[in-house]
Amino acid sequence: MVRWKTISSHPSYEVSDQGSVKKKSGRPKALNSKPRGYVTAGFYEGGRVRYTLVHHLVAEAFVANPDGHKGVEHIDGDLSNNHAENLRWVGRKVIRPGGNRRAALRSQWAEELGALDTRGAGEVSPALSDGELLDILADLG
């Protein structure tokens, strides 16, 4: 049976334990797939659409986070599988074996260097190029 909970940051919407999002009074809304495989939901805020990562919405609603971690990992590595039982909270610097190591390193080093430009809830755009990050990694040994 599908369970629904109110999204705390968007109280007129609900998220399911299976990764669907809907208005409380409506049917599930269309979700967007990003090129890297993540699924997002768009919400209107201040006259424009802001996209939020669905796996974060599901984890916030259904997955316990006793250690207060900020990152959410897909246990099976499938970024489109946003079922609650496939998600777990992790430290942002966790690099899982078999995962996208380059993307994880990029995020880890950019975050540590303060080189991330936050573009909205769950959306991050790096301020350094791949080459710059790889040069920094090489210099650090």
N, C-alpha and C. Protein backbone atom coordinates (compact mmCIF):
# COMPACT_ATOMS: atom_id res chain seq x y z
N MET A 1 0.84 -1.19 0.00
CA MET A 1 0.00 0.00 0.00
C MET A 1 0.88 1.25 0.00
N VAL A 2 0.54 2.19 -0.85
CA VAL A 2 1.30 3.43 -0.96
C VAL A 2 0.96 4.34 0.22
N ARG A 3 2.00 4.89 0.84
CA ARG A 3 1.81 5.85 1.93
C ARG A 3 2.16 7.25 1.42
N TRP A 4 1.39 8.25 1.83
CA TRP A 4 1.62 9.65 1.44
C TRP A 4 1.84 10.48 2.68
N LYS A 5 2.75 11.44 2.59
CA LYS A 5 2.98 12.40 3.68
C LYS A 5 3.11 13.80 3.09
N THR A 6 2.73 14.79 3.88
CA THR A 6 2.85 16.19 3.47
C THR A 6 4.32 16.58 3.36
N ILE A 7 4.64 17.33 2.30
CA ILE A 7 6.00 17.83 2.12
C ILE A 7 6.13 19.09 2.98
N SER A 8 7.04 19.07 3.93
CA SER A 8 7.15 20.18 4.89
C SER A 8 7.46 21.51 4.21
N SER A 9 8.27 21.50 3.16
CA SER A 9 8.62 22.76 2.48
C SER A 9 7.55 23.21 1.48
N HIS A 10 6.59 22.34 1.18
CA HIS A 10 5.50 22.64 0.24
C HIS A 10 4.23 21.99 0.77
N PRO A 11 3.61 22.59 1.79
CA PRO A 11 2.51 21.94 2.51
C PRO A 11 1.26 21.62 1.69
N SER A 12 1.10 22.16 0.51
CA SER A 12 -0.07 21.79 -0.30
C SER A 12 0.22 20.57 -1.17
N TYR A 13 1.41 19.98 -1.03
CA TYR A 13 1.81 18.80 -1.80
C TYR A 13 2.13 17.65 -0.86
N GLU A 14 2.05 16.44 -1.41
CA GLU A 14 2.42 15.24 -0.68
C GLU A 14 3.42 14.43 -1.49
N VAL A 15 4.23 13.63 -0.79
CA VAL A 15 5.18 12.72 -1.42
C VAL A 15 4.85 11.31 -0.93
N SER A 16 5.02 10.33 -1.83
CA SER A 16 4.75 8.95 -1.44
C SER A 16 6.05 8.23 -1.11
N ASP A 17 5.91 7.10 -0.42
CA ASP A 17 7.08 6.29 -0.09
C ASP A 17 7.64 5.60 -1.33
N GLN A 18 6.96 5.73 -2.47
CA GLN A 18 7.44 5.14 -3.71
C GLN A 18 7.99 6.18 -4.69
N GLY A 19 8.08 7.45 -4.25
CA GLY A 19 8.71 8.48 -5.07
C GLY A 19 7.80 9.30 -5.94
N SER A 20 6.50 9.27 -5.68
CA SER A 20 5.56 10.11 -6.42
C SER A 20 5.29 11.39 -5.64
N VAL A 21 4.91 12.44 -6.37
CA VAL A 21 4.57 13.73 -5.76
C VAL A 21 3.22 14.15 -6.33
N LYS A 22 2.35 14.69 -5.47
CA LYS A 22 1.05 15.16 -5.94
C LYS A 22 0.57 16.32 -5.08
N LYS A 23 -0.34 17.11 -5.66
CA LYS A 23 -1.07 18.10 -4.87
C LYS A 23 -2.01 17.34 -3.97
N LYS A 24 -2.27 17.83 -2.78
CA LYS A 24 -3.13 17.12 -1.85
C LYS A 24 -4.49 16.81 -2.47
N SER A 25 -4.95 17.69 -3.32
CA SER A 25 -6.28 17.53 -3.90
C SER A 25 -6.25 16.92 -5.30
N GLY A 26 -5.12 16.41 -5.73
CA GLY A 26 -5.02 15.95 -7.12
C GLY A 26 -4.30 14.64 -7.31
N ARG A 27 -4.01 14.37 -8.55
CA ARG A 27 -3.31 13.14 -8.91
C ARG A 27 -1.80 13.41 -8.96
N PRO A 28 -0.98 12.34 -9.03
CA PRO A 28 0.47 12.55 -9.08
C PRO A 28 0.89 13.45 -10.23
N LYS A 29 1.84 14.32 -9.95
CA LYS A 29 2.32 15.25 -10.98
C LYS A 29 3.47 14.64 -11.76
N ALA A 30 3.68 15.17 -12.94
CA ALA A 30 4.78 14.71 -13.79
C ALA A 30 6.10 15.13 -13.14
N LEU A 31 7.05 14.22 -13.15
CA LEU A 31 8.38 14.49 -12.59
C LEU A 31 9.36 14.65 -13.74
N ASN A 32 10.49 15.27 -13.47
CA ASN A 32 11.50 15.54 -14.48
C ASN A 32 12.73 14.68 -14.21
N SER A 33 13.30 14.12 -15.26
CA SER A 33 14.56 13.38 -15.13
C SER A 33 15.69 14.27 -15.61
N LYS A 34 16.71 14.37 -14.80
CA LYS A 34 17.89 15.16 -15.15
C LYS A 34 18.88 14.28 -15.90
N PRO A 35 19.78 14.87 -16.69
CA PRO A 35 20.74 14.08 -17.48
C PRO A 35 21.57 13.09 -16.66
N ARG A 36 21.87 13.41 -15.44
CA ARG A 36 22.68 12.50 -14.62
C ARG A 36 21.85 11.39 -13.99
N GLY A 37 20.52 11.42 -14.18
CA GLY A 37 19.67 10.34 -13.69
C GLY A 37 18.79 10.69 -12.51
N TYR A 38 19.02 11.84 -11.88
CA TYR A 38 18.20 12.23 -10.75
C TYR A 38 16.82 12.68 -11.21
N VAL A 39 15.82 12.47 -10.36
CA VAL A 39 14.45 12.86 -10.66
C VAL A 39 14.11 14.07 -9.80
N THR A 40 13.48 15.09 -10.42
CA THR A 40 13.11 16.30 -9.69
C THR A 40 11.62 16.58 -9.84
N ALA A 41 11.12 17.38 -8.91
CA ALA A 41 9.74 17.87 -8.97
C ALA A 41 9.81 19.39 -8.96
N GLY A 42 9.00 20.03 -9.79
CA GLY A 42 8.99 21.49 -9.85
C GLY A 42 7.86 22.07 -9.01
N PHE A 43 8.19 23.11 -8.26
CA PHE A 43 7.21 23.80 -7.42
C PHE A 43 7.29 25.29 -7.71
N TYR A 44 6.13 25.95 -7.80
CA TYR A 44 6.12 27.39 -8.03
C TYR A 44 6.40 28.12 -6.72
N GLU A 45 7.38 29.02 -6.75
CA GLU A 45 7.73 29.85 -5.60
C GLU A 45 8.06 31.24 -6.12
N GLY A 46 7.35 32.22 -5.66
CA GLY A 46 7.64 33.59 -6.04
C GLY A 46 7.59 33.82 -7.54
N GLY A 47 6.64 33.18 -8.21
CA GLY A 47 6.46 33.40 -9.63
C GLY A 47 7.37 32.60 -10.55
N ARG A 48 8.22 31.73 -10.00
CA ARG A 48 9.05 30.90 -10.86
C ARG A 48 9.11 29.47 -10.32
N VAL A 49 9.48 28.56 -11.18
CA VAL A 49 9.54 27.16 -10.80
C VAL A 49 10.90 26.86 -10.16
N ARG A 50 10.85 26.19 -9.02
CA ARG A 50 12.06 25.72 -8.34
C ARG A 50 12.00 24.20 -8.32
N TYR A 51 13.09 23.56 -8.68
CA TYR A 51 13.13 22.11 -8.74
C TYR A 51 13.79 21.54 -7.49
N THR A 52 13.19 20.47 -6.98
CA THR A 52 13.69 19.80 -5.80
C THR A 52 13.92 18.33 -6.12
N LEU A 53 15.01 17.78 -5.63
CA LEU A 53 15.31 16.36 -5.85
C LEU A 53 14.29 15.50 -5.11
N VAL A 54 13.65 14.60 -5.84
CA VAL A 54 12.60 13.76 -5.27
C VAL A 54 13.14 12.83 -4.20
N HIS A 55 14.35 12.30 -4.38
CA HIS A 55 14.87 11.39 -3.36
C HIS A 55 15.06 12.09 -2.01
N HIS A 56 15.33 13.39 -2.03
CA HIS A 56 15.42 14.13 -0.77
C HIS A 56 14.04 14.29 -0.13
N LEU A 57 13.03 14.55 -0.95
CA LEU A 57 11.66 14.67 -0.42
C LEU A 57 11.22 13.36 0.23
N VAL A 58 11.48 12.24 -0.45
CA VAL A 58 11.09 10.92 0.08
C VAL A 58 11.85 10.63 1.37
N ALA A 59 13.15 10.87 1.37
CA ALA A 59 13.96 10.59 2.56
C ALA A 59 13.51 11.46 3.74
N GLU A 60 13.26 12.74 3.50
CA GLU A 60 12.81 13.62 4.59
C GLU A 60 11.50 13.13 5.19
N ALA A 61 10.62 12.57 4.37
CA ALA A 61 9.32 12.14 4.85
C ALA A 61 9.33 10.73 5.45
N PHE A 62 10.17 9.82 4.94
CA PHE A 62 10.03 8.41 5.30
C PHE A 62 11.27 7.72 5.87
N VAL A 63 12.45 8.34 5.79
CA VAL A 63 13.67 7.66 6.22
C VAL A 63 14.23 8.37 7.46
N ALA A 64 14.41 7.60 8.52
CA ALA A 64 14.96 8.17 9.76
C ALA A 64 16.37 8.69 9.52
N ASN A 65 16.69 9.81 10.17
CA ASN A 65 18.01 10.43 10.02
C ASN A 65 18.55 10.80 11.40
N PRO A 66 18.85 9.78 12.23
CA PRO A 66 19.26 10.07 13.61
C PRO A 66 20.57 10.83 13.75
N ASP A 67 21.45 10.72 12.74
CA ASP A 67 22.75 11.40 12.81
C ASP A 67 22.76 12.76 12.15
N GLY A 68 21.63 13.18 11.60
CA GLY A 68 21.53 14.51 10.99
C GLY A 68 22.33 14.68 9.72
N HIS A 69 22.52 13.60 8.95
CA HIS A 69 23.25 13.70 7.68
C HIS A 69 22.49 14.56 6.68
N LYS A 70 23.22 15.13 5.73
CA LYS A 70 22.62 15.98 4.69
C LYS A 70 22.46 15.27 3.36
N GLY A 71 23.26 14.24 3.10
CA GLY A 71 23.22 13.54 1.83
C GLY A 71 22.29 12.35 1.85
N VAL A 72 21.72 12.02 0.69
CA VAL A 72 20.86 10.85 0.55
C VAL A 72 21.45 9.98 -0.55
N GLU A 73 21.63 8.70 -0.25
CA GLU A 73 22.21 7.75 -1.20
C GLU A 73 21.15 6.76 -1.68
N HIS A 74 21.21 6.42 -2.96
CA HIS A 74 20.38 5.37 -3.52
C HIS A 74 21.13 4.06 -3.28
N ILE A 75 20.60 3.18 -2.47
CA ILE A 75 21.29 1.96 -2.06
C ILE A 75 21.65 1.10 -3.26
N ASP A 76 20.73 0.95 -4.22
CA ASP A 76 20.99 0.09 -5.38
C ASP A 76 21.73 0.81 -6.50
N GLY A 77 22.06 2.10 -6.33
CA GLY A 77 22.79 2.86 -7.33
C GLY A 77 21.94 3.39 -8.46
N ASP A 78 20.65 3.03 -8.50
CA ASP A 78 19.73 3.50 -9.55
C ASP A 78 19.13 4.83 -9.10
N LEU A 79 19.59 5.92 -9.72
CA LEU A 79 19.17 7.25 -9.29
C LEU A 79 17.71 7.56 -9.57
N SER A 80 17.06 6.72 -10.35
CA SER A 80 15.63 6.93 -10.61
C SER A 80 14.75 6.12 -9.67
N ASN A 81 15.35 5.24 -8.85
CA ASN A 81 14.60 4.43 -7.89
C ASN A 81 14.49 5.19 -6.58
N ASN A 82 13.41 5.93 -6.42
CA ASN A 82 13.24 6.79 -5.25
C ASN A 82 12.31 6.19 -4.20
N HIS A 83 12.20 4.87 -4.15
CA HIS A 83 11.42 4.20 -3.11
C HIS A 83 12.13 4.41 -1.77
N ALA A 84 11.37 4.61 -0.72
CA ALA A 84 11.94 4.90 0.60
C ALA A 84 12.91 3.81 1.05
N GLU A 85 12.58 2.54 0.77
CA GLU A 85 13.45 1.45 1.22
C GLU A 85 14.77 1.39 0.45
N ASN A 86 14.89 2.17 -0.63
CA ASN A 86 16.12 2.23 -1.42
C ASN A 86 16.99 3.43 -1.07
N LEU A 87 16.58 4.20 -0.07
CA LEU A 87 17.30 5.43 0.28
C LEU A 87 17.86 5.34 1.69
N ARG A 88 19.01 5.98 1.89
CA ARG A 88 19.56 6.11 3.24
C ARG A 88 20.32 7.42 3.32
N TRP A 89 20.32 7.98 4.53
CA TRP A 89 21.05 9.22 4.78
C TRP A 89 22.52 8.90 4.95
N VAL A 90 23.38 9.73 4.35
CA VAL A 90 24.82 9.56 4.46
C VAL A 90 25.47 10.94 4.57
N GLY A 91 26.70 10.95 5.07
CA GLY A 91 27.47 12.18 5.04
C GLY A 91 27.75 12.55 3.60
N ARG A 92 27.83 13.81 3.28
CA ARG A 92 28.02 14.23 1.89
C ARG A 92 29.34 13.76 1.31
N LYS A 93 30.30 13.40 2.16
CA LYS A 93 31.62 13.01 1.66
C LYS A 93 31.74 11.51 1.43
N VAL A 94 30.66 10.79 1.61
CA VAL A 94 30.69 9.35 1.37
C VAL A 94 30.75 9.09 -0.13
N ILE A 95 31.72 8.28 -0.54
CA ILE A 95 31.83 7.87 -1.94
C ILE A 95 31.56 6.38 -1.95
N ARG A 96 30.46 5.99 -2.53
CA ARG A 96 30.10 4.57 -2.51
C ARG A 96 30.81 3.82 -3.63
N PRO A 97 31.25 2.60 -3.33
CA PRO A 97 31.88 1.78 -4.36
C PRO A 97 30.90 1.56 -5.51
N GLY A 98 31.41 1.65 -6.73
CA GLY A 98 30.56 1.43 -7.89
C GLY A 98 29.72 2.63 -8.27
N GLY A 99 29.77 3.68 -7.45
CA GLY A 99 28.99 4.87 -7.75
C GLY A 99 29.73 5.77 -8.72
N ASN A 100 29.21 6.94 -8.94
CA ASN A 100 29.85 7.88 -9.85
C ASN A 100 30.95 8.58 -9.07
N ARG A 101 32.13 7.98 -9.05
CA ARG A 101 33.25 8.49 -8.25
C ARG A 101 33.66 9.90 -8.66
N ARG A 102 33.69 10.15 -9.96
CA ARG A 102 34.10 11.47 -10.43
C ARG A 102 33.13 12.55 -9.94
N ALA A 103 31.83 12.27 -10.06
CA ALA A 103 30.85 13.25 -9.59
C ALA A 103 30.93 13.42 -8.08
N ALA A 104 31.16 12.32 -7.36
CA ALA A 104 31.25 12.40 -5.91
C ALA A 104 32.48 13.19 -5.49
N LEU A 105 33.64 12.92 -6.14
CA LEU A 105 34.85 13.68 -5.83
C LEU A 105 34.67 15.16 -6.16
N ARG A 106 34.05 15.44 -7.31
CA ARG A 106 33.81 16.82 -7.72
C ARG A 106 32.98 17.54 -6.67
N SER A 107 31.91 16.91 -6.23
CA SER A 107 31.03 17.52 -5.23
C SER A 107 31.77 17.69 -3.91
N GLN A 108 32.49 16.63 -3.49
CA GLN A 108 33.22 16.68 -2.22
C GLN A 108 34.24 17.81 -2.21
N TRP A 109 35.09 17.88 -3.23
CA TRP A 109 36.15 18.88 -3.24
C TRP A 109 35.59 20.28 -3.45
N ALA A 110 34.61 20.41 -4.30
CA ALA A 110 34.02 21.73 -4.52
C ALA A 110 33.38 22.23 -3.24
N GLU A 111 32.70 21.34 -2.51
CA GLU A 111 32.06 21.73 -1.26
C GLU A 111 33.11 22.16 -0.24
N GLU A 112 34.19 21.39 -0.13
CA GLU A 112 35.24 21.71 0.82
C GLU A 112 35.93 23.02 0.48
N LEU A 113 36.03 23.32 -0.81
CA LEU A 113 36.69 24.55 -1.24
C LEU A 113 35.73 25.74 -1.28
N GLY A 114 34.47 25.50 -0.94
CA GLY A 114 33.49 26.58 -0.97
C GLY A 114 33.19 27.03 -2.39
N ALA A 115 33.29 26.11 -3.34
CA ALA A 115 33.15 26.48 -4.74
C ALA A 115 31.80 26.09 -5.32
N LEU A 116 30.80 25.94 -4.48
CA LEU A 116 29.47 25.61 -4.98
C LEU A 116 28.58 26.83 -4.94
N ASP A 117 27.81 26.97 -5.98
CA ASP A 117 26.85 28.06 -6.10
C ASP A 117 25.46 27.44 -5.98
N THR A 118 24.80 27.62 -4.86
CA THR A 118 23.49 27.01 -4.67
C THR A 118 22.46 27.73 -5.51
N ARG A 119 21.72 26.96 -6.31
CA ARG A 119 20.73 27.52 -7.23
C ARG A 119 19.30 27.23 -6.80
N GLY A 120 19.08 26.75 -5.60
CA GLY A 120 17.74 26.42 -5.14
C GLY A 120 17.78 25.12 -4.36
N ALA A 121 16.65 24.73 -3.81
CA ALA A 121 16.58 23.54 -2.97
C ALA A 121 17.05 22.31 -3.74
N GLY A 122 18.12 21.73 -3.26
CA GLY A 122 18.61 20.50 -3.84
C GLY A 122 19.36 20.66 -5.16
N GLU A 123 19.46 21.86 -5.69
CA GLU A 123 20.12 22.06 -6.97
C GLU A 123 21.45 22.78 -6.72
N VAL A 124 22.53 22.22 -7.21
CA VAL A 124 23.84 22.80 -7.00
C VAL A 124 24.56 22.88 -8.34
N SER A 125 25.21 23.99 -8.56
CA SER A 125 25.97 24.17 -9.79
C SER A 125 27.41 24.48 -9.41
N PRO A 126 28.39 23.71 -9.89
CA PRO A 126 29.78 23.95 -9.51
C PRO A 126 30.31 25.25 -10.11
N ALA A 127 31.10 25.95 -9.31
CA ALA A 127 31.70 27.20 -9.76
C ALA A 127 33.08 26.95 -10.36
N LEU A 128 33.64 25.74 -10.19
CA LEU A 128 34.93 25.38 -10.77
C LEU A 128 34.71 24.39 -11.89
N SER A 129 35.56 24.42 -12.91
CA SER A 129 35.45 23.46 -14.01
C SER A 129 36.04 22.12 -13.58
N ASP A 130 35.77 21.08 -14.37
CA ASP A 130 36.35 19.76 -14.10
C ASP A 130 37.88 19.85 -14.07
N GLY A 131 38.44 20.58 -15.03
CA GLY A 131 39.89 20.71 -15.11
C GLY A 131 40.48 21.35 -13.87
N GLU A 132 39.85 22.42 -13.40
CA GLU A 132 40.33 23.10 -12.19
C GLU A 132 40.29 22.18 -10.98
N LEU A 133 39.20 21.41 -10.85
CA LEU A 133 39.10 20.49 -9.73
C LEU A 133 40.13 19.37 -9.82
N LEU A 134 40.34 18.85 -11.02
CA LEU A 134 41.34 17.80 -11.18
C LEU A 134 42.74 18.32 -10.90
N ASP A 135 43.04 19.57 -11.29
CA ASP A 135 44.33 20.18 -10.97
C ASP A 135 44.52 20.29 -9.46
N ILE A 136 43.49 20.71 -8.76
CA ILE A 136 43.55 20.83 -7.30
C ILE A 136 43.79 19.47 -6.68
N LEU A 137 43.03 18.45 -7.15
CA LEU A 137 43.23 17.09 -6.62
C LEU A 137 44.66 16.61 -6.85
N ALA A 138 45.21 16.87 -8.03
CA ALA A 138 46.57 16.45 -8.34
C ALA A 138 47.58 17.14 -7.43
N ASP A 139 47.38 18.45 -7.16
CA ASP A 139 48.27 19.21 -6.30
C ASP A 139 48.23 18.70 -4.87
N LEU A 140 47.07 18.21 -4.44
CA LEU A 140 46.94 17.73 -3.06
C LEU A 140 47.46 16.32 -2.87
N GLY A 141 47.83 15.68 -3.96
CA GLY A 141 48.48 14.40 -3.87
C GLY A 141 47.59 13.25 -4.03
